[in-house]
Protein backbone atom coordinates (compact mmCIF):
# COMPACT_ATOMS: atom_id res chain seq x y z
CA UNK A 1 0.00 0.00 0.00
CA UNK A 2 1.47 3.33 -1.00
CA UNK A 3 0.44 6.04 1.43
CA UNK A 4 1.63 9.63 1.32
CA UNK A 5 2.49 10.17 4.97
CA UNK A 6 1.28 9.32 8.40
CA UNK A 7 0.91 11.79 11.24
CA UNK A 8 0.49 11.74 14.96
CA UNK A 9 -3.13 11.73 15.95
CA UNK A 10 -4.47 15.08 17.17
CA UNK A 11 -4.64 14.90 20.93
CA UNK A 12 -5.59 17.30 23.66
CA UNK A 13 -3.06 18.18 26.39
CA UNK A 14 -4.60 15.34 28.44
CA UNK A 15 -3.90 12.85 25.65
CA UNK A 16 -7.53 12.46 24.57
CA UNK A 17 -8.14 12.23 20.81
CA UNK A 18 -9.69 15.34 19.26
CA UNK A 19 -12.41 14.07 16.97
CA UNK A 20 -13.69 16.31 14.19
CA UNK A 21 -17.30 15.33 14.91
CA UNK A 22 -19.18 13.85 17.86
CA UNK A 23 -20.39 10.93 15.70
CA UNK A 24 -16.74 9.86 15.36
CA UNK A 25 -16.31 9.83 19.15
CA UNK A 26 -19.46 7.75 19.53
CA UNK A 27 -18.42 5.36 16.76
CA UNK A 28 -15.10 4.88 18.58
CA UNK A 29 -17.05 3.86 21.69
CA UNK A 30 -18.77 1.05 19.76
CA UNK A 31 -15.39 -0.13 18.52
CA UNK A 32 -13.99 0.03 22.07
CA UNK A 33 -16.96 -1.90 23.46
CA UNK A 34 -16.22 -4.77 21.08
CA UNK A 35 -12.42 -4.49 21.58
CA UNK A 36 -11.93 -3.65 17.91
CA UNK A 37 -8.49 -2.03 17.53
CA UNK A 38 -8.65 1.26 15.65
CA UNK A 39 -6.69 4.37 14.76
CA UNK A 40 -8.14 7.79 14.08
CA UNK A 41 -7.10 9.43 10.80
CA UNK A 42 -3.66 7.77 10.74
CA UNK A 43 -2.78 8.40 7.08
CA UNK A 44 -3.55 10.69 4.19
CA UNK A 45 -3.89 9.32 0.67
CA UNK A 46 -2.61 11.61 -2.07
CA UNK A 47 -5.26 12.09 -4.75
CA UNK A 48 -3.71 14.78 -6.95
CA UNK A 49 -0.23 16.15 -7.54
CA UNK A 50 1.34 19.22 -9.11
CA UNK A 51 3.98 19.08 -11.86
CA UNK A 52 6.71 18.75 -9.19
CA UNK A 53 5.05 15.73 -7.62
CA UNK A 54 3.79 17.54 -4.53
CA UNK A 55 0.39 16.53 -3.20
CA UNK A 56 -2.27 19.12 -3.99
CA UNK A 57 -5.31 17.11 -2.87
CA UNK A 58 -5.61 14.28 -0.39
CA UNK A 59 -8.05 12.23 1.63
CA UNK A 60 -7.73 11.11 5.25
CA UNK A 61 -10.34 8.44 6.15
CA UNK A 62 -11.70 8.71 9.69
CA UNK A 63 -10.80 5.27 11.03
CA UNK A 64 -8.33 2.49 10.28
CA UNK A 65 -9.31 -0.97 11.57
CA UNK A 66 -6.03 -2.90 11.35
CA UNK A 67 -7.47 -6.36 12.13
CA UNK A 68 -9.93 -5.98 9.24
CA UNK A 69 -7.45 -4.04 7.08
CA UNK A 70 -10.30 -1.61 6.45
CA UNK A 71 -10.70 2.16 6.46
CA UNK A 72 -14.04 3.61 7.60
CA UNK A 73 -15.28 7.06 6.62
CA UNK A 74 -18.28 8.60 8.40
CA UNK A 75 -20.38 11.21 6.59
CA UNK A 76 -22.81 13.94 7.60
CA UNK A 77 -26.24 14.77 6.31
CA UNK A 78 -24.94 17.80 4.40
CA UNK A 79 -25.25 16.69 0.76
CA UNK A 80 -22.39 18.94 -0.35
CA UNK A 81 -20.01 17.11 2.01
CA UNK A 82 -21.38 13.69 1.06
CA UNK A 83 -20.89 14.39 -2.65
CA UNK A 84 -17.34 15.63 -2.07
CA UNK A 85 -16.44 12.61 0.09
CA UNK A 86 -17.95 10.17 -2.40
CA UNK A 87 -15.78 11.74 -5.11
CA UNK A 88 -12.67 11.37 -2.96
CA UNK A 89 -13.51 7.75 -2.13
CA UNK A 90 -14.07 7.03 -5.84
CA UNK A 91 -10.72 8.66 -6.74
CA UNK A 92 -9.02 6.74 -3.95
CA UNK A 93 -10.38 3.50 -5.39
CA UNK A 94 -8.92 4.36 -8.79
CA UNK A 95 -5.47 5.19 -7.39
CA UNK A 96 -5.31 2.61 -4.59
CA UNK A 97 -7.40 -0.38 -5.74
CA UNK A 98 -6.04 -2.68 -3.03
CA UNK A 99 -7.11 -0.39 -0.18
CA UNK A 100 -10.45 -1.29 1.37
CA UNK A 101 -12.71 1.54 2.51
CA UNK A 102 -16.29 1.57 3.76
CA UNK A 103 -18.38 4.73 3.83
CA UNK A 104 -20.96 4.94 6.59
CA UNK A 105 -23.61 7.51 5.80
CA UNK A 106 -25.28 9.45 8.59
CA UNK A 107 -28.34 7.17 8.59
CA UNK A 108 -26.06 4.11 8.95
CA UNK A 109 -24.07 5.70 11.76
CA UNK A 110 -27.19 6.88 13.61
CA UNK A 111 -28.76 3.42 13.36
CA UNK A 112 -25.59 1.81 14.71
CA UNK A 113 -25.29 4.32 17.56
CA UNK A 114 -28.98 3.97 18.45
CA UNK A 115 -28.63 0.19 18.54
CA UNK A 116 -25.91 0.54 21.18
CA UNK A 117 -27.53 3.41 23.10
CA UNK A 118 -24.98 5.99 21.99
CA UNK A 119 -27.15 8.22 19.81
CA UNK A 120 -27.68 11.01 22.35
CA UNK A 121 -25.72 12.97 24.90
CA UNK A 122 -23.02 15.57 24.82
CA UNK A 123 -19.31 15.45 24.00
CA UNK A 124 -18.16 14.77 27.56
CA UNK A 125 -20.65 11.97 28.22
CA UNK A 126 -18.54 9.16 26.79
CA UNK A 127 -15.33 9.80 28.72
CA UNK A 128 -11.85 9.06 27.45
CA UNK A 129 -11.48 6.89 24.37
CA UNK A 130 -8.58 4.71 23.33
CA UNK A 131 -7.09 3.67 20.03
CA UNK A 132 -4.89 0.82 18.88
């Protein structure tokens, strides 16, 4: 697998992961409950380059599940964002055909969170989360 670069996960001064959206924090709780190892946004895939070979567009899927060798991308209800993400996932598939990625749309994520009682509450309700 040819990935552009990895980075340290964004963490608060207390070491807690800074998720971009609350649905990502809640999804991580489901993974933790089932002891599914995961990493949050560990790599960025280059999708476009300039004439000097520098990345000009990239895509960083939300979760990496190493045991399943699968990336998971969560989406929002905003159609503009969904369309943009779908385009990036499609381009990623063209450039990296051996990389597995699953897109979970908001309705999928909400159904999963509701099933496990994680659909409501505020950001601090779920406590500290862990990653692989």
